[in-house]
Amino acid sequence: MISLIDYDVKILLAFGQALKKNKKFFNWLMENGYPELGALSAAINSDAEALQWLLKSKYPQFGVLSNAIDGEENAFIWLKKNNCDFLLRFALACRKDPDAIKWFIENNLKLFIQFIQMIHVILQQQIDESADVHRRRIT
């Protein structure tokens, strides 16, 4: 099962830009053989359709990663059970687990530390938006 650590740095840089909602890089990933990374960036940014695509594709680990980043306990269990150790650590670091963050720092994984920081911002924005009464829709 492929993990984030398995990608070339240039591809990961494009993923980082897509994570920031840069459409140019998102489209490049989608059109150049990396739809799983485009979909992962969208899923982390709350795109339910992208999440479902990942879960049904040959990259379910990335859909589960997105769920783990959102704090879903079953996702952590799935990652552990399926030996997705790197993705599990990544999700924990995104959830601000100090030991996981320390592991990335100790292993000098600077690019992934940047992704973790970006995801911290994304998660905080999602919290802020859900708490903003002006953004809520009444149904």
Protein backbone atom coordinates (compact mmCIF):
# COMPACT_ATOMS: atom_id res chain seq x y z
CA MET A 1 0.00 0.00 0.00
CA ILE A 2 1.49 3.32 -1.05
CA SER A 3 2.12 5.97 1.59
CA LEU A 4 2.80 9.69 1.40
CA ILE A 5 6.49 9.10 2.06
CA ASP A 6 6.71 7.09 -1.20
CA TYR A 7 6.18 10.07 -3.50
CA ASP A 8 8.89 12.16 -5.13
CA VAL A 9 9.52 15.50 -3.46
CA LYS A 10 8.30 17.44 -6.52
CA ILE A 11 4.97 15.62 -6.40
CA LEU A 12 4.70 16.29 -2.68
CA LEU A 13 5.37 19.99 -3.28
CA ALA A 14 2.42 20.03 -5.70
CA PHE A 15 0.33 18.25 -3.06
CA GLY A 16 1.25 20.96 -0.55
CA GLN A 17 0.06 23.65 -2.93
CA ALA A 18 -3.17 21.74 -3.60
CA LEU A 19 -3.63 21.47 0.17
CA LYS A 20 -3.62 25.30 0.19
CA LYS A 21 -6.48 25.13 -2.36
CA ASN A 22 -4.30 26.18 -5.28
CA LYS A 23 -6.42 25.01 -8.23
CA LYS A 24 -3.49 25.01 -10.66
CA PHE A 25 -1.62 22.40 -8.63
CA PHE A 26 -4.80 20.48 -7.79
CA ASN A 27 -5.59 20.21 -11.50
CA TRP A 28 -1.99 19.24 -12.28
CA LEU A 29 -2.17 16.36 -9.79
CA MET A 30 -5.52 15.23 -11.20
CA GLU A 31 -4.36 15.35 -14.81
CA ASN A 32 -0.86 13.92 -14.40
CA GLY A 33 -1.38 10.60 -12.70
CA TYR A 34 -1.80 11.63 -9.06
CA PRO A 35 -5.57 11.93 -8.58
CA GLU A 36 -5.22 10.30 -5.17
CA LEU A 37 -3.17 13.25 -3.92
CA GLY A 38 -5.54 15.78 -5.47
CA ALA A 39 -8.46 13.98 -3.85
CA LEU A 40 -6.62 13.78 -0.52
CA SER A 41 -5.98 17.52 -0.53
CA ALA A 42 -9.66 18.11 -1.28
CA ALA A 43 -10.84 15.60 1.35
CA ILE A 44 -8.70 17.26 4.03
CA ASN A 45 -10.41 20.51 3.00
CA SER A 46 -13.84 18.93 3.69
CA ASP A 47 -14.76 17.73 0.18
CA ALA A 48 -17.06 14.77 0.89
CA GLU A 49 -17.09 13.67 -2.76
CA ALA A 50 -13.29 13.45 -2.83
CA LEU A 51 -13.33 11.49 0.41
CA GLN A 52 -15.82 8.99 -0.98
CA TRP A 53 -13.78 8.61 -4.17
CA LEU A 54 -10.67 7.81 -2.11
CA LEU A 55 -12.48 5.27 0.05
CA LYS A 56 -13.81 3.47 -3.04
CA SER A 57 -10.59 3.74 -5.08
CA LYS A 58 -7.38 1.75 -4.90
CA TYR A 59 -6.19 4.33 -2.34
CA PRO A 60 -8.53 3.80 0.62
CA GLN A 61 -5.63 4.48 2.99
CA PHE A 62 -5.75 8.14 1.98
CA GLY A 63 -9.47 8.37 2.64
CA VAL A 64 -8.93 6.76 6.02
CA LEU A 65 -6.04 9.18 6.63
CA SER A 66 -8.39 12.10 6.01
CA ASN A 67 -10.86 10.61 8.50
CA ALA A 68 -8.07 10.12 11.05
CA ILE A 69 -6.99 13.72 10.60
CA ASP A 70 -10.59 14.60 11.47
CA GLY A 71 -10.17 12.56 14.67
CA GLU A 72 -12.28 9.52 13.79
CA GLU A 73 -11.17 6.75 16.15
CA ASN A 74 -12.03 3.92 13.73
CA ALA A 75 -9.71 5.47 11.16
CA PHE A 76 -6.78 5.31 13.60
CA ILE A 77 -7.62 1.66 14.29
CA TRP A 78 -7.77 0.90 10.53
CA LEU A 79 -4.41 2.56 9.86
CA LYS A 80 -2.80 0.60 12.70
CA LYS A 81 -4.41 -2.70 11.67
CA ASN A 82 -3.25 -2.24 8.06
CA ASN A 83 0.34 -1.35 9.03
CA CYS A 84 0.09 2.21 7.73
CA ASP A 85 2.53 3.39 10.38
CA PHE A 86 3.68 6.53 8.58
CA LEU A 87 0.11 7.63 7.82
CA LEU A 88 -0.89 6.89 11.41
CA ARG A 89 1.95 9.06 12.75
CA PHE A 90 1.08 11.76 10.23
CA ALA A 91 -2.57 11.79 11.32
CA LEU A 92 -1.58 11.90 14.98
CA ALA A 93 0.80 14.80 14.31
CA CYS A 94 -2.01 16.60 12.48
CA ARG A 95 -4.10 16.11 15.64
CA LYS A 96 -1.23 17.77 17.60
CA ASP A 97 0.04 14.61 19.29
CA PRO A 98 3.37 15.75 20.78
CA ASP A 99 5.12 12.38 20.36
CA ALA A 100 4.14 12.17 16.69
CA ILE A 101 5.28 15.74 16.04
CA LYS A 102 8.56 14.98 17.84
CA TRP A 103 9.08 11.93 15.58
CA PHE A 104 8.78 14.07 12.43
CA ILE A 105 11.19 16.62 13.86
CA GLU A 106 13.72 13.98 14.98
CA ASN A 107 13.60 12.36 11.55
CA ASN A 108 14.14 15.72 9.85
CA LEU A 109 11.00 15.38 7.72
CA LYS A 110 10.70 19.11 7.12
CA LEU A 111 8.28 18.90 4.20
CA PHE A 112 5.87 16.76 6.21
CA ILE A 113 6.21 19.14 9.16
CA GLN A 114 5.09 21.91 6.79
CA PHE A 115 2.10 19.79 5.73
CA ILE A 116 1.25 19.15 9.37
CA GLN A 117 1.35 22.88 10.08
CA MET A 118 -0.85 23.58 7.04
CA ILE A 119 -3.35 20.99 8.23
CA HIS A 120 -3.38 22.53 11.72
CA VAL A 121 -4.46 25.80 10.06
CA ILE A 122 -7.08 24.03 7.91
CA LEU A 123 -8.56 22.26 10.94
CA GLN A 124 -8.68 25.50 12.91
CA GLN A 125 -10.40 27.27 10.00
CA GLN A 126 -12.97 24.47 9.87
CA ILE A 127 -13.62 24.85 13.59
CA ASP A 128 -13.92 28.62 13.27
CA GLU A 129 -16.28 28.35 10.30
CA SER A 130 -18.52 25.84 12.06
CA ALA A 131 -18.73 28.15 15.09
CA ASP A 132 -19.53 31.24 13.00
CA VAL A 133 -23.28 31.80 13.32
CA HIS A 134 -23.24 33.90 10.14
CA ARG A 135 -22.09 30.91 8.09
CA ARG A 136 -24.66 28.44 9.39
CA ARG A 137 -27.63 27.60 7.26
CA ILE A 138 -31.01 27.07 8.78
CA THR A 139 -32.75 24.03 7.37
